[in-house]
Amino acid sequence: MGEGKKWSDLSQRNQRLLIAGAVAETILKAAAIVDLTRRPASEIRGPKWAWIPAVTVINSFGCAPLAYFAFGRRSASRSGSGDPQPVGN
């Protein structure tokens, strides 16, 4: 097996794409962690403690944070009745 490519071997376009991907993943992970810390455990599917390492440790190109936002959160009802609140009132 040979060595992998070095950073300097990549084209500027590929370097920029890698940087943009890393920035996007970092933002997604940070947003998921902030949401996890602020959201009550009753509004999270599954154990809250399990989502934090899943979102931060798994090298997933944003899949773990996106999975949290898509599937890990329960919809919050402000009134407790389960009915959506009117917008602007």
C-alpha atoms as a PDB file:
ATOM      1  CA  MET A   1       0.000   0.000   0.000  1.00  0.00           C
ATOM      2  CA  GLY A   2       1.249   3.431  -0.870  1.00  0.00           C
ATOM      3  CA  GLU A   3       0.863   6.659   1.009  1.00  0.00           C
ATOM      4  CA  GLY A   4      -2.285   8.701   0.636  1.00  0.00           C
ATOM      5  CA  LYS A   5      -2.322  12.077  -1.018  1.00  0.00           C
ATOM      6  CA  LYS A   6      -0.821  15.002   0.825  1.00  0.00           C
ATOM      7  CA  TRP A   7      -2.709  18.255   1.246  1.00  0.00           C
ATOM      8  CA  SER A   8      -0.358  19.956  -1.202  1.00  0.00           C
ATOM      9  CA  ASP A   9      -1.118  17.264  -3.812  1.00  0.00           C
ATOM     10  CA  LEU A  10      -4.801  18.222  -3.878  1.00  0.00           C
ATOM     11  CA  SER A  11      -6.105  20.809  -6.284  1.00  0.00           C
ATOM     12  CA  GLN A  12      -7.254  24.129  -4.845  1.00  0.00           C
ATOM     13  CA  ARG A  13     -10.827  23.157  -5.711  1.00  0.00           C
ATOM     14  CA  ASN A  14     -10.558  19.923  -3.714  1.00  0.00           C
ATOM     15  CA  GLN A  15      -8.901  21.726  -0.805  1.00  0.00           C
ATOM     16  CA  ARG A  16     -11.777  24.231  -0.723  1.00  0.00           C
ATOM     17  CA  LEU A  17     -14.373  21.451  -0.901  1.00  0.00           C
ATOM     18  CA  LEU A  18     -12.742  19.635   2.015  1.00  0.00           C
ATOM     19  CA  ILE A  19     -12.628  22.837   4.062  1.00  0.00           C
ATOM     20  CA  ALA A  20     -16.262  23.647   3.249  1.00  0.00           C
ATOM     21  CA  GLY A  21     -17.321  20.122   4.227  1.00  0.00           C
ATOM     22  CA  ALA A  22     -15.425  20.319   7.513  1.00  0.00           C
ATOM     23  CA  VAL A  23     -16.962  23.701   8.323  1.00  0.00           C
ATOM     24  CA  ALA A  24     -20.473  22.461   7.487  1.00  0.00           C
ATOM     25  CA  GLU A  25     -20.038  19.358   9.647  1.00  0.00           C
ATOM     26  CA  THR A  26     -18.692  21.428  12.545  1.00  0.00           C
ATOM     27  CA  ILE A  27     -21.668  23.796  12.351  1.00  0.00           C
ATOM     28  CA  LEU A  28     -24.134  20.888  12.241  1.00  0.00           C
ATOM     29  CA  LYS A  29     -22.489  19.195  15.219  1.00  0.00           C
ATOM     30  CA  ALA A  30     -22.416  22.429  17.232  1.00  0.00           C
ATOM     31  CA  ALA A  31     -26.086  23.132  16.473  1.00  0.00           C
ATOM     32  CA  ALA A  32     -27.072  19.596  17.470  1.00  0.00           C
ATOM     33  CA  ILE A  33     -25.116  19.786  20.741  1.00  0.00           C
ATOM     34  CA  VAL A  34     -26.630  23.173  21.624  1.00  0.00           C
ATOM     35  CA  ASP A  35     -30.102  21.826  20.889  1.00  0.00           C
ATOM     36  CA  LEU A  36     -29.442  18.672  22.922  1.00  0.00           C
ATOM     37  CA  THR A  37     -28.273  20.610  25.951  1.00  0.00           C
ATOM     38  CA  ARG A  38     -31.249  22.987  25.867  1.00  0.00           C
ATOM     39  CA  ARG A  39     -34.001  20.480  25.043  1.00  0.00           C
ATOM     40  CA  PRO A  40     -35.621  18.483  27.865  1.00  0.00           C
ATOM     41  CA  ALA A  41     -35.029  14.724  27.759  1.00  0.00           C
ATOM     42  CA  SER A  42     -38.784  14.183  27.335  1.00  0.00           C
ATOM     43  CA  GLU A  43     -38.542  15.837  23.913  1.00  0.00           C
ATOM     44  CA  ILE A  44     -35.761  13.563  22.661  1.00  0.00           C
ATOM     45  CA  ARG A  45     -36.274  10.108  21.210  1.00  0.00           C
ATOM     46  CA  GLY A  46     -33.995   7.651  22.940  1.00  0.00           C
ATOM     47  CA  PRO A  47     -31.584   8.394  25.754  1.00  0.00           C
ATOM     48  CA  LYS A  48     -30.264  11.942  25.681  1.00  0.00           C
ATOM     49  CA  TRP A  49     -26.845  10.784  26.873  1.00  0.00           C
ATOM     50  CA  ALA A  50     -26.496   8.496  23.830  1.00  0.00           C
ATOM     51  CA  TRP A  51     -27.119  11.258  21.282  1.00  0.00           C
ATOM     52  CA  ILE A  52     -24.243  13.440  22.499  1.00  0.00           C
ATOM     53  CA  PRO A  53     -21.412  10.976  21.718  1.00  0.00           C
ATOM     54  CA  ALA A  54     -23.201   9.839  18.569  1.00  0.00           C
ATOM     55  CA  VAL A  55     -23.357  13.404  17.267  1.00  0.00           C
ATOM     56  CA  THR A  56     -19.821  14.388  18.270  1.00  0.00           C
ATOM     57  CA  VAL A  57     -17.705  11.258  17.853  1.00  0.00           C
ATOM     58  CA  ILE A  58     -19.086   9.557  14.769  1.00  0.00           C
ATOM     59  CA  ASN A  59     -17.220  10.804  11.722  1.00  0.00           C
ATOM     60  CA  SER A  60     -20.217  10.905   9.475  1.00  0.00           C
ATOM     61  CA  PHE A  61     -20.005  13.976   7.240  1.00  0.00           C
ATOM     62  CA  GLY A  62     -23.014  15.397   9.025  1.00  0.00           C
ATOM     63  CA  CYS A  63     -25.178  12.266   8.993  1.00  0.00           C
ATOM     64  CA  ALA A  64     -25.351  11.887  12.795  1.00  0.00           C
ATOM     65  CA  PRO A  65     -26.336  15.530  13.436  1.00  0.00           C
ATOM     66  CA  LEU A  66     -28.847  15.395  10.583  1.00  0.00           C
ATOM     67  CA  ALA A  67     -30.264  12.136  11.968  1.00  0.00           C
ATOM     68  CA  TYR A  68     -30.695  13.833  15.343  1.00  0.00           C
ATOM     69  CA  PHE A  69     -32.550  16.793  13.833  1.00  0.00           C
ATOM     70  CA  ALA A  70     -34.698  14.535  11.641  1.00  0.00           C
ATOM     71  CA  PHE A  71     -35.462  11.653  13.999  1.00  0.00           C
ATOM     72  CA  GLY A  72     -34.102  12.355  17.478  1.00  0.00           C
ATOM     73  CA  ARG A  73     -36.366  15.210  18.479  1.00  0.00           C
ATOM     74  CA  ARG A  74     -39.998  14.985  19.416  1.00  0.00           C
ATOM     75  CA  SER A  75     -42.249  17.841  18.414  1.00  0.00           C
ATOM     76  CA  ALA A  76     -42.691  20.214  21.315  1.00  0.00           C
ATOM     77  CA  SER A  77     -46.175  21.379  22.207  1.00  0.00           C
ATOM     78  CA  ARG A  78     -46.149  24.674  24.020  1.00  0.00           C
ATOM     79  CA  SER A  79     -49.669  24.438  25.376  1.00  0.00           C
ATOM     80  CA  GLY A  80     -49.382  20.796  26.363  1.00  0.00           C
ATOM     81  CA  SER A  81     -52.506  19.965  24.339  1.00  0.00           C
ATOM     82  CA  GLY A  82     -50.618  18.784  21.287  1.00  0.00           C
ATOM     83  CA  ASP A  83     -52.353  21.346  19.083  1.00  0.00           C
ATOM     84  CA  PRO A  84     -50.130  23.709  17.106  1.00  0.00           C
ATOM     85  CA  GLN A  85     -50.049  27.290  18.302  1.00  0.00           C
ATOM     86  CA  PRO A  86     -51.210  30.038  15.917  1.00  0.00           C
ATOM     87  CA  VAL A  87     -48.368  31.978  14.350  1.00  0.00           C
ATOM     88  CA  GLY A  88     -48.038  35.596  15.472  1.00  0.00           C
ATOM     89  CA  ASN A  89     -50.451  35.372  18.421  1.00  0.00           C
END
